[in-house]
């Protein structure tokens, strides 16, 4: 296709691609464009969050199993996929928090973690890149590091003087941060469920919401209509069986209600080399092939 466009999404762990922007990616694949997910870590420090998978043999082979899960999710979404292969940092908990494990992704110096991503960017040559904001979407050390290496690699990939051996320089036309659940979205689903006489899975979450926490919708510039691909998103999520309990609140909102109440996924345009009018409804708005 002469007008085929290329989208890259950079994520921290296997399963992040299916919980953040998966329906958008499935839509663009269906429209004939190329989509690649880059996963920065091996996911080896992830907890088993699905009771059905909480077995010793799973825990002992977590990295291999999560690779298999990622391959299934990629096939469902129709995307290309690359591993950077860094060691999962885990999510430190406690007060004080324990130190991060030696050699983990969050501790690898940028001069070591950026070049592998530069090489993938120069190989795939994306018109648009999606990554996390400066807070990582939430303050997991690997998510924050993903933001840091994404922004540094985008600059380095465009610089012909940076490591020419990694490929021909490439400047991405648009860069977005992905934004997930906002209070506005939770509240919309909560009210719609109660209006139907159904139990909302978000009652406690909303009650405990920090009133001083800004809503990410205040930062959103771009809402992509992708409701027709919510079922693909859910299938990709379920492929990550160690991480996703199919009986969890991920799937508590009826699909018809989701499509009616909130048929979009949200993004924040943070860099652009092209002209596009905000707000947008397309990550490729204004992009030139």
C-alpha atoms as a PDB file:
ATOM      1  CA  UNK A   1       0.000   0.000   0.000  1.00  0.00           C
ATOM      2  CA  UNK A   2       1.466   3.323  -1.089  1.00  0.00           C
ATOM      3  CA  UNK A   3      -0.246   5.094   1.803  1.00  0.00           C
ATOM      4  CA  UNK A   4       0.584   2.522   4.482  1.00  0.00           C
ATOM      5  CA  UNK A   5       1.496   4.221   7.747  1.00  0.00           C
ATOM      6  CA  UNK A   6       3.542   2.908  10.648  1.00  0.00           C
ATOM      7  CA  UNK A   7       2.738   3.158  14.355  1.00  0.00           C
ATOM      8  CA  UNK A   8       5.076   2.070  17.164  1.00  0.00           C
ATOM      9  CA  UNK A   9       4.047   1.680  20.806  1.00  0.00           C
ATOM     10  CA  UNK A  10       6.783   1.356  23.436  1.00  0.00           C
ATOM     11  CA  UNK A  11       5.755  -0.526  26.582  1.00  0.00           C
ATOM     12  CA  UNK A  12       7.413  -1.626  29.790  1.00  0.00           C
ATOM     13  CA  UNK A  13       6.138  -5.196  30.243  1.00  0.00           C
ATOM     14  CA  UNK A  14       4.312  -7.886  28.310  1.00  0.00           C
ATOM     15  CA  UNK A  15       0.569  -7.236  28.872  1.00  0.00           C
ATOM     16  CA  UNK A  16       0.951  -3.427  28.935  1.00  0.00           C
ATOM     17  CA  UNK A  17       0.295  -3.334  25.188  1.00  0.00           C
ATOM     18  CA  UNK A  18      -3.047  -5.084  25.695  1.00  0.00           C
ATOM     19  CA  UNK A  19      -4.251  -2.862  28.541  1.00  0.00           C
ATOM     20  CA  UNK A  20      -3.138   0.437  26.974  1.00  0.00           C
ATOM     21  CA  UNK A  21      -4.192   1.321  23.450  1.00  0.00           C
ATOM     22  CA  UNK A  22      -4.820  -2.204  22.176  1.00  0.00           C
ATOM     23  CA  UNK A  23      -8.099  -1.385  20.440  1.00  0.00           C
ATOM     24  CA  UNK A  24      -6.446   1.558  18.687  1.00  0.00           C
ATOM     25  CA  UNK A  25      -3.699  -0.705  17.381  1.00  0.00           C
ATOM     26  CA  UNK A  26      -6.199  -3.341  16.265  1.00  0.00           C
ATOM     27  CA  UNK A  27      -8.132  -0.674  14.374  1.00  0.00           C
ATOM     28  CA  UNK A  28      -5.063   0.568  12.504  1.00  0.00           C
ATOM     29  CA  UNK A  29      -4.010  -2.988  11.662  1.00  0.00           C
ATOM     30  CA  UNK A  30      -7.503  -3.634  10.286  1.00  0.00           C
ATOM     31  CA  UNK A  31      -7.168  -0.490   8.177  1.00  0.00           C
ATOM     32  CA  UNK A  32      -4.018  -1.913   6.595  1.00  0.00           C
ATOM     33  CA  UNK A  33      -1.298  -0.063   8.457  1.00  0.00           C
ATOM     34  CA  UNK A  34       1.803  -1.492  10.144  1.00  0.00           C
ATOM     35  CA  UNK A  35       1.904  -1.525  13.935  1.00  0.00           C
ATOM     36  CA  UNK A  36       4.823  -2.586  16.115  1.00  0.00           C
ATOM     37  CA  UNK A  37       5.007  -2.993  19.881  1.00  0.00           C
ATOM     38  CA  UNK A  38       8.373  -2.781  21.612  1.00  0.00           C
ATOM     39  CA  UNK A  39       8.493  -4.394  25.064  1.00  0.00           C
ATOM     40  CA  UNK A  40      11.360  -3.148  27.199  1.00  0.00           C
ATOM     41  CA  UNK A  41      11.520  -5.864  29.884  1.00  0.00           C
ATOM     42  CA  UNK A  42      11.112  -9.623  30.141  1.00  0.00           C
ATOM     43  CA  UNK A  43       8.251  -9.407  32.661  1.00  0.00           C
ATOM     44  CA  UNK A  44      10.068 -11.826  34.920  1.00  0.00           C
ATOM     45  CA  UNK A  45       9.273  -9.980  38.152  1.00  0.00           C
ATOM     46  CA  UNK A  46       5.536  -9.887  37.570  1.00  0.00           C
ATOM     47  CA  UNK A  47       3.268 -11.391  40.182  1.00  0.00           C
ATOM     48  CA  UNK A  48       0.742 -14.046  39.208  1.00  0.00           C
ATOM     49  CA  UNK A  49      -2.524 -12.117  39.313  1.00  0.00           C
ATOM     50  CA  UNK A  50      -4.823 -14.855  38.053  1.00  0.00           C
ATOM     51  CA  UNK A  51      -5.572 -17.502  40.732  1.00  0.00           C
ATOM     52  CA  UNK A  52      -6.000 -20.158  38.045  1.00  0.00           C
ATOM     53  CA  UNK A  53      -2.339 -19.692  37.060  1.00  0.00           C
ATOM     54  CA  UNK A  54      -0.947 -19.517  40.591  1.00  0.00           C
ATOM     55  CA  UNK A  55       1.092 -22.714  40.412  1.00  0.00           C
ATOM     56  CA  UNK A  56       4.755 -23.458  41.224  1.00  0.00           C
ATOM     57  CA  UNK A  57       5.516 -24.543  37.641  1.00  0.00           C
ATOM     58  CA  UNK A  58       4.262 -21.188  36.343  1.00  0.00           C
ATOM     59  CA  UNK A  59       6.260 -19.142  38.819  1.00  0.00           C
ATOM     60  CA  UNK A  60       9.419 -21.130  38.056  1.00  0.00           C
ATOM     61  CA  UNK A  61       9.077 -20.442  34.320  1.00  0.00           C
ATOM     62  CA  UNK A  62       7.623 -16.937  34.419  1.00  0.00           C
ATOM     63  CA  UNK A  63       9.832 -15.400  31.723  1.00  0.00           C
ATOM     64  CA  UNK A  64       9.241 -18.193  29.222  1.00  0.00           C
ATOM     65  CA  UNK A  65       5.508 -18.241  29.903  1.00  0.00           C
ATOM     66  CA  UNK A  66       5.202 -14.478  29.545  1.00  0.00           C
ATOM     67  CA  UNK A  67       7.034 -14.676  26.208  1.00  0.00           C
ATOM     68  CA  UNK A  68       4.457 -17.205  25.055  1.00  0.00           C
ATOM     69  CA  UNK A  69       1.624 -15.001  26.312  1.00  0.00           C
ATOM     70  CA  UNK A  70       3.059 -12.007  24.474  1.00  0.00           C
ATOM     71  CA  UNK A  71       3.312 -13.993  21.244  1.00  0.00           C
ATOM     72  CA  UNK A  72      -0.362 -14.959  21.522  1.00  0.00           C
ATOM     73  CA  UNK A  73      -1.419 -11.379  22.236  1.00  0.00           C
ATOM     74  CA  UNK A  74       0.612 -10.069  19.295  1.00  0.00           C
ATOM     75  CA  UNK A  75      -1.053 -12.569  16.978  1.00  0.00           C
ATOM     76  CA  UNK A  76      -4.513 -11.579  18.222  1.00  0.00           C
ATOM     77  CA  UNK A  77      -3.766  -7.877  17.693  1.00  0.00           C
ATOM     78  CA  UNK A  78      -2.064  -8.478  14.337  1.00  0.00           C
ATOM     79  CA  UNK A  79       0.997  -6.488  15.358  1.00  0.00           C
ATOM     80  CA  UNK A  80       4.719  -6.895  14.916  1.00  0.00           C
ATOM     81  CA  UNK A  81       6.687  -7.240  18.128  1.00  0.00           C
ATOM     82  CA  UNK A  82      10.220  -6.686  19.408  1.00  0.00           C
ATOM     83  CA  UNK A  83      11.764  -7.432  22.804  1.00  0.00           C
ATOM     84  CA  UNK A  84      14.483  -5.200  24.207  1.00  0.00           C
ATOM     85  CA  UNK A  85      15.022  -7.892  26.819  1.00  0.00           C
ATOM     86  CA  UNK A  86      15.942  -5.910  29.915  1.00  0.00           C
ATOM     87  CA  UNK A  87      15.427  -7.391  33.379  1.00  0.00           C
ATOM     88  CA  UNK A  88      12.066  -6.547  34.944  1.00  0.00           C
ATOM     89  CA  UNK A  89      12.624  -4.216  37.920  1.00  0.00           C
ATOM     90  CA  UNK A  90       9.535  -5.297  39.822  1.00  0.00           C
ATOM     91  CA  UNK A  91       7.413  -2.910  41.846  1.00  0.00           C
ATOM     92  CA  UNK A  92       9.091  -2.225  45.204  1.00  0.00           C
ATOM     93  CA  UNK A  93       6.641  -2.044  48.094  1.00  0.00           C
ATOM     94  CA  UNK A  94       6.985  -1.177  51.747  1.00  0.00           C
ATOM     95  CA  UNK A  95       8.149   1.751  53.855  1.00  0.00           C
ATOM     96  CA  UNK A  96      10.955   2.219  53.268  1.00  0.00           C
ATOM     97  CA  UNK A  97      10.880   0.579  49.856  1.00  0.00           C
ATOM     98  CA  UNK A  98      13.565  -2.042  49.223  1.00  0.00           C
ATOM     99  CA  UNK A  99      16.307  -1.272  46.711  1.00  0.00           C
ATOM    100  CA  UNK A 100      15.743  -2.252  43.092  1.00  0.00           C
ATOM    101  CA  UNK A 101      17.429  -5.506  42.010  1.00  0.00           C
ATOM    102  CA  UNK A 102      20.894  -5.203  40.557  1.00  0.00           C
ATOM    103  CA  UNK A 103      20.967  -5.023  36.758  1.00  0.00           C
ATOM    104  CA  UNK A 104      17.269  -4.285  36.371  1.00  0.00           C
ATOM    105  CA  UNK A 105      15.914  -2.082  33.602  1.00  0.00           C
ATOM    106  CA  UNK A 106      15.311   0.958  35.812  1.00  0.00           C
ATOM    107  CA  UNK A 107      18.980   0.952  36.866  1.00  0.00           C
ATOM    108  CA  UNK A 108      20.563   0.343  33.468  1.00  0.00           C
ATOM    109  CA  UNK A 109      22.245   3.594  32.359  1.00  0.00           C
ATOM    110  CA  UNK A 110      20.539   5.355  29.463  1.00  0.00           C
ATOM    111  CA  UNK A 111      23.690   5.084  27.377  1.00  0.00           C
ATOM    112  CA  UNK A 112      23.128   1.314  27.447  1.00  0.00           C
ATOM    113  CA  UNK A 113      19.330   1.119  27.183  1.00  0.00           C
ATOM    114  CA  UNK A 114      18.740   3.797  24.542  1.00  0.00           C
ATOM    115  CA  UNK A 115      20.764   2.365  21.592  1.00  0.00           C
ATOM    116  CA  UNK A 116      18.713  -0.875  21.282  1.00  0.00           C
ATOM    117  CA  UNK A 117      15.534   1.181  20.961  1.00  0.00           C
ATOM    118  CA  UNK A 118      17.210   3.533  18.481  1.00  0.00           C
ATOM    119  CA  UNK A 119      18.048   0.521  16.321  1.00  0.00           C
ATOM    120  CA  UNK A 120      14.433  -0.673  16.319  1.00  0.00           C
ATOM    121  CA  UNK A 121      13.128   2.827  15.525  1.00  0.00           C
ATOM    122  CA  UNK A 122      15.519   3.153  12.595  1.00  0.00           C
ATOM    123  CA  UNK A 123      14.576  -0.309  11.348  1.00  0.00           C
ATOM    124  CA  UNK A 124      10.779   0.131  11.569  1.00  0.00           C
ATOM    125  CA  UNK A 125      10.788   3.879  10.761  1.00  0.00           C
ATOM    126  CA  UNK A 126       7.516   4.764  12.525  1.00  0.00           C
ATOM    127  CA  UNK A 127       5.542   7.829  11.514  1.00  0.00           C
ATOM    128  CA  UNK A 128       3.991   7.905  15.006  1.00  0.00           C
ATOM    129  CA  UNK A 129       5.280   6.668  18.366  1.00  0.00           C
ATOM    130  CA  UNK A 130       3.188   6.164  21.509  1.00  0.00           C
ATOM    131  CA  UNK A 131       4.821   5.868  24.925  1.00  0.00           C
ATOM    132  CA  UNK A 132       4.173   6.793  28.580  1.00  0.00           C
ATOM    133  CA  UNK A 133       4.180  10.219  30.175  1.00  0.00           C
ATOM    134  CA  UNK A 134       6.816  11.477  32.594  1.00  0.00           C
ATOM    135  CA  UNK A 135       5.063   9.656  35.462  1.00  0.00           C
ATOM    136  CA  UNK A 136       5.021   6.379  33.552  1.00  0.00           C
ATOM    137  CA  UNK A 137       1.219   6.433  33.543  1.00  0.00           C
ATOM    138  CA  UNK A 138       1.681   5.265  37.123  1.00  0.00           C
ATOM    139  CA  UNK A 139       4.908   5.385  39.140  1.00  0.00           C
ATOM    140  CA  UNK A 140       6.328   1.942  38.374  1.00  0.00           C
ATOM    141  CA  UNK A 141      10.108   2.275  37.913  1.00  0.00           C
ATOM    142  CA  UNK A 142      10.004   0.409  34.585  1.00  0.00           C
ATOM    143  CA  UNK A 143       7.224   2.639  33.255  1.00  0.00           C
ATOM    144  CA  UNK A 144       9.128   5.775  34.177  1.00  0.00           C
ATOM    145  CA  UNK A 145      12.264   4.345  32.564  1.00  0.00           C
ATOM    146  CA  UNK A 146      10.258   3.486  29.452  1.00  0.00           C
ATOM    147  CA  UNK A 147       9.298   7.146  29.153  1.00  0.00           C
ATOM    148  CA  UNK A 148      12.918   8.190  29.594  1.00  0.00           C
ATOM    149  CA  UNK A 149      14.417   5.848  27.023  1.00  0.00           C
ATOM    150  CA  UNK A 150      11.586   6.513  24.554  1.00  0.00           C
ATOM    151  CA  UNK A 151      12.137  10.258  24.508  1.00  0.00           C
ATOM    152  CA  UNK A 152      15.932   9.918  24.429  1.00  0.00           C
ATOM    153  CA  UNK A 153      15.808   7.302  21.662  1.00  0.00           C
ATOM    154  CA  UNK A 154      13.490   9.420  19.520  1.00  0.00           C
ATOM    155  CA  UNK A 155      16.040  12.255  19.653  1.00  0.00           C
ATOM    156  CA  UNK A 156      18.985   9.957  19.051  1.00  0.00           C
ATOM    157  CA  UNK A 157      17.301   8.093  16.179  1.00  0.00           C
ATOM    158  CA  UNK A 158      16.805  11.381  14.333  1.00  0.00           C
ATOM    159  CA  UNK A 159      20.466  12.402  14.750  1.00  0.00           C
ATOM    160  CA  UNK A 160      22.626  11.206  11.825  1.00  0.00           C
ATOM    161  CA  UNK A 161      25.688  11.606  14.038  1.00  0.00           C
ATOM    162  CA  UNK A 162      24.429   9.150  16.657  1.00  0.00           C
ATOM    163  CA  UNK A 163      25.729   5.615  16.130  1.00  0.00           C
ATOM    164  CA  UNK A 164      25.395   5.369  12.322  1.00  0.00           C
ATOM    165  CA  UNK A 165      25.930   1.608  12.667  1.00  0.00           C
ATOM    166  CA  UNK A 166      22.428   1.365  14.145  1.00  0.00           C
ATOM    167  CA  UNK A 167      20.826   2.362  10.840  1.00  0.00           C
ATOM    168  CA  UNK A 168      19.876   5.405   8.817  1.00  0.00           C
ATOM    169  CA  UNK A 169      18.590   8.323  10.870  1.00  0.00           C
ATOM    170  CA  UNK A 170      14.803   8.584  11.198  1.00  0.00           C
ATOM    171  CA  UNK A 171      12.677  11.383  12.632  1.00  0.00           C
ATOM    172  CA  UNK A 172       9.244  10.396  13.892  1.00  0.00           C
ATOM    173  CA  UNK A 173       6.554  12.860  12.825  1.00  0.00           C
ATOM    174  CA  UNK A 174       4.338  12.633  15.928  1.00  0.00           C
ATOM    175  CA  UNK A 175       4.806  11.425  19.506  1.00  0.00           C
ATOM    176  CA  UNK A 176       1.987  10.715  21.950  1.00  0.00           C
ATOM    177  CA  UNK A 177       1.591   9.726  25.563  1.00  0.00           C
ATOM    178  CA  UNK A 178      -1.108   7.118  26.149  1.00  0.00           C
ATOM    179  CA  UNK A 179      -3.594   7.802  28.925  1.00  0.00           C
ATOM    180  CA  UNK A 180      -5.705   5.131  30.561  1.00  0.00           C
ATOM    181  CA  UNK A 181      -8.381   5.259  33.205  1.00  0.00           C
ATOM    182  CA  UNK A 182      -9.362   8.731  34.277  1.00  0.00           C
ATOM    183  CA  UNK A 183     -11.829   9.657  36.975  1.00  0.00           C
ATOM    184  CA  UNK A 184     -14.183  10.927  34.290  1.00  0.00           C
ATOM    185  CA  UNK A 185     -14.154   7.527  32.566  1.00  0.00           C
ATOM    186  CA  UNK A 186     -14.625   5.583  35.796  1.00  0.00           C
ATOM    187  CA  UNK A 187     -17.480   7.869  36.816  1.00  0.00           C
ATOM    188  CA  UNK A 188     -19.189   7.528  33.430  1.00  0.00           C
ATOM    189  CA  UNK A 189     -19.114   3.733  33.695  1.00  0.00           C
ATOM    190  CA  UNK A 190     -20.117   3.817  37.364  1.00  0.00           C
ATOM    191  CA  UNK A 191     -23.179   5.960  36.704  1.00  0.00           C
ATOM    192  CA  UNK A 192     -24.173   3.952  33.632  1.00  0.00           C
ATOM    193  CA  UNK A 193     -23.981   0.689  35.587  1.00  0.00           C
ATOM    194  CA  UNK A 194     -26.097   2.069  38.416  1.00  0.00           C
ATOM    195  CA  UNK A 195     -28.613   3.451  35.931  1.00  0.00           C
ATOM    196  CA  UNK A 196     -29.047  -0.098  34.656  1.00  0.00           C
ATOM    197  CA  UNK A 197     -29.491  -1.407  38.161  1.00  0.00           C
ATOM    198  CA  UNK A 198     -26.144  -3.203  38.023  1.00  0.00           C
ATOM    199  CA  UNK A 199     -23.412  -3.229  40.639  1.00  0.00           C
ATOM    200  CA  UNK A 200     -20.561  -0.923  39.728  1.00  0.00           C
ATOM    201  CA  UNK A 201     -17.030  -2.326  40.127  1.00  0.00           C
ATOM    202  CA  UNK A 202     -15.733   1.209  40.704  1.00  0.00           C
ATOM    203  CA  UNK A 203     -17.633   2.293  43.832  1.00  0.00           C
ATOM    204  CA  UNK A 204     -14.695   1.830  46.196  1.00  0.00           C
ATOM    205  CA  UNK A 205     -12.136   3.119  43.678  1.00  0.00           C
ATOM    206  CA  UNK A 206     -14.073   6.357  43.197  1.00  0.00           C
ATOM    207  CA  UNK A 207     -14.655   6.766  46.948  1.00  0.00           C
ATOM    208  CA  UNK A 208     -10.909   6.588  47.555  1.00  0.00           C
ATOM    209  CA  UNK A 209      -9.939   8.805  44.615  1.00  0.00           C
ATOM    210  CA  UNK A 210      -7.613  11.619  45.667  1.00  0.00           C
ATOM    211  CA  UNK A 211      -9.615  14.813  45.101  1.00  0.00           C
ATOM    212  CA  UNK A 212      -6.383  16.740  44.515  1.00  0.00           C
ATOM    213  CA  UNK A 213      -5.227  14.393  41.766  1.00  0.00           C
ATOM    214  CA  UNK A 214      -5.609  16.015  38.333  1.00  0.00           C
ATOM    215  CA  UNK A 215      -7.685  14.075  35.833  1.00  0.00           C
ATOM    216  CA  UNK A 216      -5.621  12.878  32.871  1.00  0.00           C
ATOM    217  CA  UNK A 217      -8.483  13.930  30.590  1.00  0.00           C
ATOM    218  CA  UNK A 218      -7.257  17.485  31.154  1.00  0.00           C
ATOM    219  CA  UNK A 219      -4.157  16.515  29.146  1.00  0.00           C
ATOM    220  CA  UNK A 220      -5.849  14.526  26.393  1.00  0.00           C
ATOM    221  CA  UNK A 221      -5.627  15.973  22.884  1.00  0.00           C
ATOM    222  CA  UNK A 222      -6.682  12.950  20.849  1.00  0.00           C
ATOM    223  CA  UNK A 223      -9.529  10.453  21.208  1.00  0.00           C
ATOM    224  CA  UNK A 224      -9.441   7.528  18.792  1.00  0.00           C
ATOM    225  CA  UNK A 225     -12.748   5.801  18.005  1.00  0.00           C
ATOM    226  CA  UNK A 226     -12.046   2.087  18.382  1.00  0.00           C
ATOM    227  CA  UNK A 227     -15.117   0.527  20.002  1.00  0.00           C
ATOM    228  CA  UNK A 228     -15.419  -2.038  17.196  1.00  0.00           C
ATOM    229  CA  UNK A 229     -12.114  -3.508  18.427  1.00  0.00           C
ATOM    230  CA  UNK A 230     -12.813  -3.729  22.165  1.00  0.00           C
ATOM    231  CA  UNK A 231     -13.397  -7.465  21.815  1.00  0.00           C
ATOM    232  CA  UNK A 232      -9.976  -7.852  20.173  1.00  0.00           C
ATOM    233  CA  UNK A 233      -8.471  -5.866  23.048  1.00  0.00           C
ATOM    234  CA  UNK A 234     -10.122  -8.155  25.587  1.00  0.00           C
ATOM    235  CA  UNK A 235      -8.949 -11.295  23.781  1.00  0.00           C
ATOM    236  CA  UNK A 236      -5.391  -9.937  23.778  1.00  0.00           C
ATOM    237  CA  UNK A 237      -5.649  -9.155  27.485  1.00  0.00           C
ATOM    238  CA  UNK A 238      -6.845 -12.667  28.272  1.00  0.00           C
ATOM    239  CA  UNK A 239      -3.856 -14.072  26.377  1.00  0.00           C
ATOM    240  CA  UNK A 240      -1.765 -12.776  29.295  1.00  0.00           C
ATOM    241  CA  UNK A 241      -3.222 -15.422  31.556  1.00  0.00           C
ATOM    242  CA  UNK A 242      -0.699 -14.967  34.372  1.00  0.00           C
ATOM    243  CA  UNK A 243      -1.616 -11.300  34.687  1.00  0.00           C
ATOM    244  CA  UNK A 244      -5.302 -11.096  33.835  1.00  0.00           C
ATOM    245  CA  UNK A 245      -8.075 -12.803  35.786  1.00  0.00           C
ATOM    246  CA  UNK A 246     -10.986 -13.218  33.343  1.00  0.00           C
ATOM    247  CA  UNK A 247     -13.388 -12.740  36.266  1.00  0.00           C
ATOM    248  CA  UNK A 248     -11.818  -9.416  37.302  1.00  0.00           C
ATOM    249  CA  UNK A 249     -13.263  -5.921  36.964  1.00  0.00           C
ATOM    250  CA  UNK A 250     -11.386  -5.516  33.679  1.00  0.00           C
ATOM    251  CA  UNK A 251     -14.369  -7.289  32.162  1.00  0.00           C
ATOM    252  CA  UNK A 252     -17.174  -6.199  34.504  1.00  0.00           C
ATOM    253  CA  UNK A 253     -18.663  -3.531  32.236  1.00  0.00           C
ATOM    254  CA  UNK A 254     -20.961  -5.016  29.538  1.00  0.00           C
ATOM    255  CA  UNK A 255     -19.492  -4.576  26.072  1.00  0.00           C
ATOM    256  CA  UNK A 256     -22.512  -2.742  24.661  1.00  0.00           C
ATOM    257  CA  UNK A 257     -22.320  -0.247  27.519  1.00  0.00           C
ATOM    258  CA  UNK A 258     -18.591   0.301  26.954  1.00  0.00           C
ATOM    259  CA  UNK A 259     -19.144   0.975  23.276  1.00  0.00           C
ATOM    260  CA  UNK A 260     -21.991   3.361  24.010  1.00  0.00           C
ATOM    261  CA  UNK A 261     -20.555   5.274  26.976  1.00  0.00           C
ATOM    262  CA  UNK A 262     -16.840   5.482  26.119  1.00  0.00           C
ATOM    263  CA  UNK A 263     -15.993   4.307  22.572  1.00  0.00           C
ATOM    264  CA  UNK A 264     -12.505   5.838  22.447  1.00  0.00           C
ATOM    265  CA  UNK A 265      -8.945   5.473  23.695  1.00  0.00           C
ATOM    266  CA  UNK A 266      -7.116   8.615  24.784  1.00  0.00           C
ATOM    267  CA  UNK A 267      -3.745  10.167  23.968  1.00  0.00           C
ATOM    268  CA  UNK A 268      -1.767  13.341  24.482  1.00  0.00           C
ATOM    269  CA  UNK A 269       0.149  14.801  21.528  1.00  0.00           C
ATOM    270  CA  UNK A 270       3.511  15.936  22.887  1.00  0.00           C
ATOM    271  CA  UNK A 271       5.650  16.333  19.758  1.00  0.00           C
ATOM    272  CA  UNK A 272       4.676  17.019  16.183  1.00  0.00           C
ATOM    273  CA  UNK A 273       6.477  17.837  12.967  1.00  0.00           C
ATOM    274  CA  UNK A 274       3.204  18.180  11.028  1.00  0.00           C
ATOM    275  CA  UNK A 275       0.114  20.356  11.017  1.00  0.00           C
ATOM    276  CA  UNK A 276      -2.972  18.944  12.703  1.00  0.00           C
ATOM    277  CA  UNK A 277      -5.884  20.612  14.441  1.00  0.00           C
ATOM    278  CA  UNK A 278      -6.534  19.830  18.090  1.00  0.00           C
ATOM    279  CA  UNK A 279      -8.509  18.060  19.358  1.00  0.00           C
ATOM    280  CA  UNK A 280      -7.851  15.109  17.039  1.00  0.00           C
ATOM    281  CA  UNK A 281      -9.545  11.778  16.422  1.00  0.00           C
ATOM    282  CA  UNK A 282      -6.665  10.073  14.595  1.00  0.00           C
ATOM    283  CA  UNK A 283      -3.041   9.477  15.625  1.00  0.00           C
ATOM    284  CA  UNK A 284      -2.071   9.765  11.972  1.00  0.00           C
ATOM    285  CA  UNK A 285      -3.775  13.148  11.434  1.00  0.00           C
ATOM    286  CA  UNK A 286      -1.524  15.324   9.293  1.00  0.00           C
ATOM    287  CA  UNK A 287       1.117  12.614   8.829  1.00  0.00           C
ATOM    288  CA  UNK A 288       2.875  12.569   5.479  1.00  0.00           C
ATOM    289  CA  UNK A 289       3.992   9.262   3.936  1.00  0.00           C
END
